[in-house]
């Protein structure tokens, strides 16, 4: 069970990197891209 969870979480890291890269291209600022990513992640966990 923990092995599958680890594999799943590990597979999300490249997706997050791709999302951050695309977001940086859209907003033209790495700081705003980080802010949006953090805000979306925070809302997801609430």
C-alpha atoms as a PDB file:
ATOM      1  CA  UNK A   1       0.000   0.000   0.000  1.00  0.00           C
ATOM      2  CA  UNK A   2       2.725   2.466   0.967  1.00  0.00           C
ATOM      3  CA  UNK A   3       4.709   1.511  -2.109  1.00  0.00           C
ATOM      4  CA  UNK A   4       1.783   2.422  -4.362  1.00  0.00           C
ATOM      5  CA  UNK A   5       1.276   5.678  -2.496  1.00  0.00           C
ATOM      6  CA  UNK A   6       4.958   6.527  -2.902  1.00  0.00           C
ATOM      7  CA  UNK A   7       4.841   5.766  -6.614  1.00  0.00           C
ATOM      8  CA  UNK A   8       1.736   7.900  -7.032  1.00  0.00           C
ATOM      9  CA  UNK A   9       3.178  10.877  -5.164  1.00  0.00           C
ATOM     10  CA  UNK A  10       6.467  10.517  -7.024  1.00  0.00           C
ATOM     11  CA  UNK A  11       4.642  10.615 -10.340  1.00  0.00           C
ATOM     12  CA  UNK A  12       3.060  13.949  -9.402  1.00  0.00           C
ATOM     13  CA  UNK A  13       6.389  15.787  -9.188  1.00  0.00           C
ATOM     14  CA  UNK A  14       6.973  16.006 -12.970  1.00  0.00           C
ATOM     15  CA  UNK A  15       3.373  17.138 -13.412  1.00  0.00           C
ATOM     16  CA  UNK A  16       3.919  19.943 -10.890  1.00  0.00           C
ATOM     17  CA  UNK A  17       7.124  20.991 -12.657  1.00  0.00           C
ATOM     18  CA  UNK A  18       5.353  21.117 -16.018  1.00  0.00           C
ATOM     19  CA  UNK A  19       2.478  23.090 -14.501  1.00  0.00           C
ATOM     20  CA  UNK A  20       4.856  25.623 -12.945  1.00  0.00           C
ATOM     21  CA  UNK A  21       6.731  26.030 -16.218  1.00  0.00           C
ATOM     22  CA  UNK A  22       3.553  26.600 -18.206  1.00  0.00           C
ATOM     23  CA  UNK A  23       2.176  28.987 -15.577  1.00  0.00           C
ATOM     24  CA  UNK A  24       5.408  31.016 -15.646  1.00  0.00           C
ATOM     25  CA  UNK A  25       4.999  31.411 -19.403  1.00  0.00           C
ATOM     26  CA  UNK A  26       1.415  32.601 -19.004  1.00  0.00           C
ATOM     27  CA  UNK A  27       1.956  35.165 -16.221  1.00  0.00           C
ATOM     28  CA  UNK A  28       5.506  36.147 -17.307  1.00  0.00           C
ATOM     29  CA  UNK A  29       6.763  36.092 -13.729  1.00  0.00           C
ATOM     30  CA  UNK A  30       8.223  33.206 -11.736  1.00  0.00           C
ATOM     31  CA  UNK A  31       7.060  34.872  -8.513  1.00  0.00           C
ATOM     32  CA  UNK A  32       3.422  35.096  -9.623  1.00  0.00           C
ATOM     33  CA  UNK A  33       3.578  31.538 -10.945  1.00  0.00           C
ATOM     34  CA  UNK A  34       4.791  30.367  -7.527  1.00  0.00           C
ATOM     35  CA  UNK A  35       2.075  32.366  -5.788  1.00  0.00           C
ATOM     36  CA  UNK A  36      -0.666  30.850  -7.964  1.00  0.00           C
ATOM     37  CA  UNK A  37       0.728  27.353  -7.515  1.00  0.00           C
ATOM     38  CA  UNK A  38       0.899  27.782  -3.739  1.00  0.00           C
ATOM     39  CA  UNK A  39      -2.614  29.267  -3.583  1.00  0.00           C
ATOM     40  CA  UNK A  40      -4.119  26.455  -5.653  1.00  0.00           C
ATOM     41  CA  UNK A  41      -2.347  23.851  -3.522  1.00  0.00           C
ATOM     42  CA  UNK A  42      -3.581  25.510  -0.340  1.00  0.00           C
ATOM     43  CA  UNK A  43      -7.172  25.588  -1.600  1.00  0.00           C
ATOM     44  CA  UNK A  44      -6.902  21.941  -2.609  1.00  0.00           C
ATOM     45  CA  UNK A  45      -5.983  20.922   0.941  1.00  0.00           C
ATOM     46  CA  UNK A  46      -8.728  22.974   2.609  1.00  0.00           C
END
